[in-house]
């Protein structure tokens, strides 16, 4: 049994399958500046969490999943579909007086 489990683990490691669903949210490498802020917002997004869980359950290789997400965001940005990420703290500081 141990030999079979080790075989599966070795196969998953060779295919670069994430160890957990959360691993799919850890983007690295050459990420275009236009989409970096958007990748950060995805970490707390329930839709993205479901996609990551699906990718994990179906043993989608990390580079494939992350490449698809980056392509989707890049094309969306190029088409003008992405709104700038709002810095809530900076907006609040600019709109609410210190004495409030």
Protein backbone atom coordinates (compact mmCIF):
# COMPACT_ATOMS: atom_id res chain seq x y z
CA UNK A 1 0.00 0.00 0.00
CA UNK A 2 2.80 2.42 0.88
CA UNK A 3 4.47 1.77 -2.46
CA UNK A 4 1.24 2.58 -4.32
CA UNK A 5 0.71 5.80 -2.34
CA UNK A 6 4.30 6.87 -2.94
CA UNK A 7 3.76 6.25 -6.65
CA UNK A 8 0.74 8.56 -6.68
CA UNK A 9 2.62 11.22 -4.73
CA UNK A 10 5.59 10.99 -7.10
CA UNK A 11 3.27 11.28 -10.11
CA UNK A 12 1.52 14.32 -8.65
CA UNK A 13 4.85 15.95 -7.81
CA UNK A 14 6.13 15.34 -11.35
CA UNK A 15 2.92 16.88 -12.74
CA UNK A 16 3.31 19.82 -10.33
CA UNK A 17 -0.09 19.26 -8.73
CA UNK A 18 -0.66 21.48 -5.70
CA UNK A 19 -0.42 19.89 -2.26
CA UNK A 20 -3.54 21.81 -1.16
CA UNK A 21 -6.25 23.85 -2.85
CA UNK A 22 -4.70 26.98 -1.33
CA UNK A 23 -1.47 26.32 -3.25
CA UNK A 24 -3.29 27.32 -6.44
CA UNK A 25 -3.57 30.90 -5.11
CA UNK A 26 0.20 31.34 -4.73
CA UNK A 27 1.18 32.92 -8.04
CA UNK A 28 4.85 33.41 -8.78
CA UNK A 29 7.16 34.01 -11.68
CA UNK A 30 6.75 36.63 -14.41
CA UNK A 31 3.38 38.27 -13.68
CA UNK A 32 2.37 41.29 -15.76
CA UNK A 33 2.15 44.48 -13.68
CA UNK A 34 -1.35 45.21 -15.02
CA UNK A 35 -2.79 42.12 -13.32
CA UNK A 36 -0.71 41.85 -10.12
CA UNK A 37 -3.19 43.82 -7.97
CA UNK A 38 -6.06 41.74 -9.32
CA UNK A 39 -4.34 38.48 -8.39
CA UNK A 40 -4.16 39.68 -4.79
CA UNK A 41 -7.90 40.38 -4.70
CA UNK A 42 -8.61 36.81 -5.84
CA UNK A 43 -7.18 35.32 -2.64
CA UNK A 44 -10.33 36.13 -0.64
CA UNK A 45 -12.80 35.57 -3.47
CA UNK A 46 -15.27 32.65 -2.98
CA UNK A 47 -15.55 32.05 -6.73
CA UNK A 48 -11.78 31.67 -7.01
CA UNK A 49 -11.74 29.38 -3.96
CA UNK A 50 -14.19 27.05 -5.71
CA UNK A 51 -12.08 27.08 -8.87
CA UNK A 52 -8.96 26.29 -6.86
CA UNK A 53 -10.72 23.42 -5.07
CA UNK A 54 -11.91 22.05 -8.43
CA UNK A 55 -8.38 22.27 -9.85
CA UNK A 56 -7.01 20.52 -6.76
CA UNK A 57 -9.67 17.78 -6.81
CA UNK A 58 -8.99 17.11 -10.49
CA UNK A 59 -5.21 17.26 -10.12
CA UNK A 60 -4.75 20.13 -12.55
CA UNK A 61 -1.04 21.02 -12.68
CA UNK A 62 -0.30 24.32 -10.91
CA UNK A 63 1.39 25.93 -13.96
CA UNK A 64 -1.64 25.10 -16.14
CA UNK A 65 -4.20 26.52 -13.69
CA UNK A 66 -2.17 29.62 -12.91
CA UNK A 67 -1.42 30.20 -16.60
CA UNK A 68 -5.14 30.05 -17.42
CA UNK A 69 -5.99 32.55 -14.67
CA UNK A 70 -3.21 34.90 -15.78
CA UNK A 71 -4.34 34.68 -19.42
CA UNK A 72 -7.95 35.39 -18.43
CA UNK A 73 -6.95 38.43 -16.37
CA UNK A 74 -4.51 39.70 -19.02
CA UNK A 75 -7.07 39.51 -21.82
CA UNK A 76 -9.71 41.10 -19.59
CA UNK A 77 -7.29 43.94 -18.82
CA UNK A 78 -6.40 44.41 -22.50
CA UNK A 79 -10.10 44.59 -23.38
CA UNK A 80 -10.66 47.26 -20.72
CA UNK A 81 -12.90 45.03 -18.62
CA UNK A 82 -10.83 45.35 -15.44
CA UNK A 83 -11.53 48.23 -13.12
CA UNK A 84 -8.62 49.57 -11.08
CA UNK A 85 -8.30 47.97 -7.66
CA UNK A 86 -9.53 50.38 -5.00
CA UNK A 87 -7.34 50.89 -1.95
CA UNK A 88 -10.08 51.02 0.68
CA UNK A 89 -7.84 52.39 3.44
CA UNK A 90 -6.57 55.23 1.28
CA UNK A 91 -10.08 56.07 0.08
CA UNK A 92 -11.44 56.06 3.64
CA UNK A 93 -8.57 58.26 4.83
CA UNK A 94 -9.22 60.72 2.02
CA UNK A 95 -12.98 60.90 2.61
CA UNK A 96 -13.37 60.65 6.40
CA UNK A 97 -11.93 63.36 8.62
CA UNK A 98 -9.50 62.33 11.36
CA UNK A 99 -11.85 63.59 14.08
CA UNK A 100 -14.79 61.41 12.96
